[in-house]
Every structure is written in C-alpha cells, then in structure tokens.
C-alpha cells in the first residue's frame, strides 16, 4: 500500500532538483523520467501534482485492491449510522 506522506516527501525532491520522484514511487515511470528531464514540466506539472497527489495515491492503491484511507466502505457507513 502506497502512503501519501511518502509521496509528498518525494514530491519535495524538487528542492534538490529531483522532480518526479513521487511519480516513480507511484509506478509512473514514463512521466517520472519526463519530470526529471524537464524539472516537473518547468514546475507546472510539479505544482499540479501538489494538489492532485493524494488522489493519485488513492488511485494506485485502488488499482492494487486497497481501500483508500479515510473513506469508510458502505458497510462501515451503515454501522456508524445505526442501520
């Protein structure tokens, strides 16, 4: 299961000139290389990723069969609602 904290820490690699580390972590090798070579698409792609990274991690986890953190499934919602 991929962790959002790790992904955001890797996103901070831009400070060291290593844009795209978070994309490698999420298994997005092609865009990871693109981000490295272009410094995160001149910073624009890196900035967009700052706001979409949490959803990207959830998407990767869902594709691997994990439930996103912070979102109760339907059964848990019914139990908490007293149904």
C-alpha atoms as a PDB file:
ATOM      1  CA  UNK A   1       0.000   0.000   0.000  1.00  0.00           C
ATOM      2  CA  UNK A   2       1.385   3.386  -1.007  1.00  0.00           C
ATOM      3  CA  UNK A   3       1.483   6.122   1.637  1.00  0.00           C
ATOM      4  CA  UNK A   4       0.514   9.738   0.961  1.00  0.00           C
ATOM      5  CA  UNK A   5       3.163  11.029   3.360  1.00  0.00           C
ATOM      6  CA  UNK A   6       5.919   9.248   1.441  1.00  0.00           C
ATOM      7  CA  UNK A   7       4.583  10.542  -1.870  1.00  0.00           C
ATOM      8  CA  UNK A   8       4.543  14.137  -0.609  1.00  0.00           C
ATOM      9  CA  UNK A   9       8.055  13.808   0.831  1.00  0.00           C
ATOM     10  CA  UNK A  10       9.282  12.574  -2.542  1.00  0.00           C
ATOM     11  CA  UNK A  11       7.433  15.452  -4.201  1.00  0.00           C
ATOM     12  CA  UNK A  12       9.692  17.742  -2.159  1.00  0.00           C
ATOM     13  CA  UNK A  13      12.625  16.338  -4.146  1.00  0.00           C
ATOM     14  CA  UNK A  14      12.129  19.346  -6.449  1.00  0.00           C
ATOM     15  CA  UNK A  15      14.059  21.315  -3.833  1.00  0.00           C
ATOM     16  CA  UNK A  16      17.112  19.225  -4.726  1.00  0.00           C
ATOM     17  CA  UNK A  17      16.392  19.395  -8.453  1.00  0.00           C
ATOM     18  CA  UNK A  18      14.922  15.884  -8.442  1.00  0.00           C
ATOM     19  CA  UNK A  19      11.413  16.466  -9.724  1.00  0.00           C
ATOM     20  CA  UNK A  20       9.321  13.381 -10.388  1.00  0.00           C
ATOM     21  CA  UNK A  21      10.478  11.074  -7.592  1.00  0.00           C
ATOM     22  CA  UNK A  22       6.888  10.798  -6.417  1.00  0.00           C
ATOM     23  CA  UNK A  23       5.884   9.550  -9.872  1.00  0.00           C
ATOM     24  CA  UNK A  24       8.446   6.745  -9.737  1.00  0.00           C
ATOM     25  CA  UNK A  25       7.092   5.820  -6.280  1.00  0.00           C
ATOM     26  CA  UNK A  26       3.592   5.521  -7.774  1.00  0.00           C
ATOM     27  CA  UNK A  27       4.853   3.353 -10.641  1.00  0.00           C
ATOM     28  CA  UNK A  28       4.524   6.072 -13.290  1.00  0.00           C
ATOM     29  CA  UNK A  29       7.986   5.562 -14.767  1.00  0.00           C
ATOM     30  CA  UNK A  30       7.480   7.362 -18.093  1.00  0.00           C
ATOM     31  CA  UNK A  31       6.180  10.557 -16.547  1.00  0.00           C
ATOM     32  CA  UNK A  32       8.782  10.232 -13.789  1.00  0.00           C
ATOM     33  CA  UNK A  33      11.533  10.397 -16.412  1.00  0.00           C
ATOM     34  CA  UNK A  34       9.761  13.295 -18.135  1.00  0.00           C
ATOM     35  CA  UNK A  35       9.512  15.193 -14.830  1.00  0.00           C
ATOM     36  CA  UNK A  36      13.210  14.566 -14.107  1.00  0.00           C
ATOM     37  CA  UNK A  37      14.329  15.803 -17.514  1.00  0.00           C
ATOM     38  CA  UNK A  38      12.094  18.895 -17.550  1.00  0.00           C
ATOM     39  CA  UNK A  39      12.133  19.789 -13.824  1.00  0.00           C
ATOM     40  CA  UNK A  40       8.491  18.857 -13.453  1.00  0.00           C
ATOM     41  CA  UNK A  41       7.439  20.373 -16.774  1.00  0.00           C
ATOM     42  CA  UNK A  42       9.093  23.657 -15.780  1.00  0.00           C
ATOM     43  CA  UNK A  43       7.420  23.459 -12.391  1.00  0.00           C
ATOM     44  CA  UNK A  44       3.866  23.493 -13.758  1.00  0.00           C
ATOM     45  CA  UNK A  45       3.396  19.724 -13.611  1.00  0.00           C
ATOM     46  CA  UNK A  46       5.029  19.626 -10.214  1.00  0.00           C
ATOM     47  CA  UNK A  47       2.618  22.295  -8.931  1.00  0.00           C
ATOM     48  CA  UNK A  48      -0.403  20.452 -10.343  1.00  0.00           C
ATOM     49  CA  UNK A  49       0.816  17.265  -8.670  1.00  0.00           C
ATOM     50  CA  UNK A  50       0.914  19.072  -5.329  1.00  0.00           C
ATOM     51  CA  UNK A  51      -2.879  19.378  -5.467  1.00  0.00           C
ATOM     52  CA  UNK A  52      -3.637  16.009  -7.103  1.00  0.00           C
ATOM     53  CA  UNK A  53      -1.093  13.752  -5.394  1.00  0.00           C
ATOM     54  CA  UNK A  54      -3.465  12.455  -2.716  1.00  0.00           C
ATOM     55  CA  UNK A  55      -5.939  11.320  -5.372  1.00  0.00           C
ATOM     56  CA  UNK A  56      -3.120   9.776  -7.413  1.00  0.00           C
ATOM     57  CA  UNK A  57      -2.048   7.689  -4.398  1.00  0.00           C
ATOM     58  CA  UNK A  58      -5.666   6.609  -3.794  1.00  0.00           C
ATOM     59  CA  UNK A  59      -5.987   5.639  -7.468  1.00  0.00           C
ATOM     60  CA  UNK A  60      -2.839   3.485  -7.359  1.00  0.00           C
ATOM     61  CA  UNK A  61      -3.995   1.824  -4.142  1.00  0.00           C
ATOM     62  CA  UNK A  62      -7.466   1.119  -5.587  1.00  0.00           C
ATOM     63  CA  UNK A  63      -5.902  -0.418  -8.702  1.00  0.00           C
ATOM     64  CA  UNK A  64      -3.927  -2.727  -6.403  1.00  0.00           C
ATOM     65  CA  UNK A  65      -7.020  -3.718  -4.440  1.00  0.00           C
ATOM     66  CA  UNK A  66      -6.528  -1.492  -1.389  1.00  0.00           C
ATOM     67  CA  UNK A  67      -9.259   0.677   0.049  1.00  0.00           C
ATOM     68  CA  UNK A  68      -8.360   4.401   0.163  1.00  0.00           C
ATOM     69  CA  UNK A  69      -7.641   5.632   3.664  1.00  0.00           C
ATOM     70  CA  UNK A  70     -10.122   7.962   5.284  1.00  0.00           C
ATOM     71  CA  UNK A  71     -13.090   6.666   3.316  1.00  0.00           C
ATOM     72  CA  UNK A  72     -15.291   4.128   5.119  1.00  0.00           C
ATOM     73  CA  UNK A  73     -16.827   1.497   2.896  1.00  0.00           C
ATOM     74  CA  UNK A  74     -20.608   1.155   2.593  1.00  0.00           C
ATOM     75  CA  UNK A  75     -20.841  -1.451   5.378  1.00  0.00           C
ATOM     76  CA  UNK A  76     -18.921   0.743   7.841  1.00  0.00           C
ATOM     77  CA  UNK A  77     -21.148   3.742   6.988  1.00  0.00           C
ATOM     78  CA  UNK A  78     -24.307   1.734   7.689  1.00  0.00           C
ATOM     79  CA  UNK A  79     -22.951   0.549  11.025  1.00  0.00           C
ATOM     80  CA  UNK A  80     -21.993   4.062  12.091  1.00  0.00           C
ATOM     81  CA  UNK A  81     -25.423   5.390  11.052  1.00  0.00           C
ATOM     82  CA  UNK A  82     -27.075   2.766  13.237  1.00  0.00           C
ATOM     83  CA  UNK A  83     -28.709   0.814  10.434  1.00  0.00           C
END
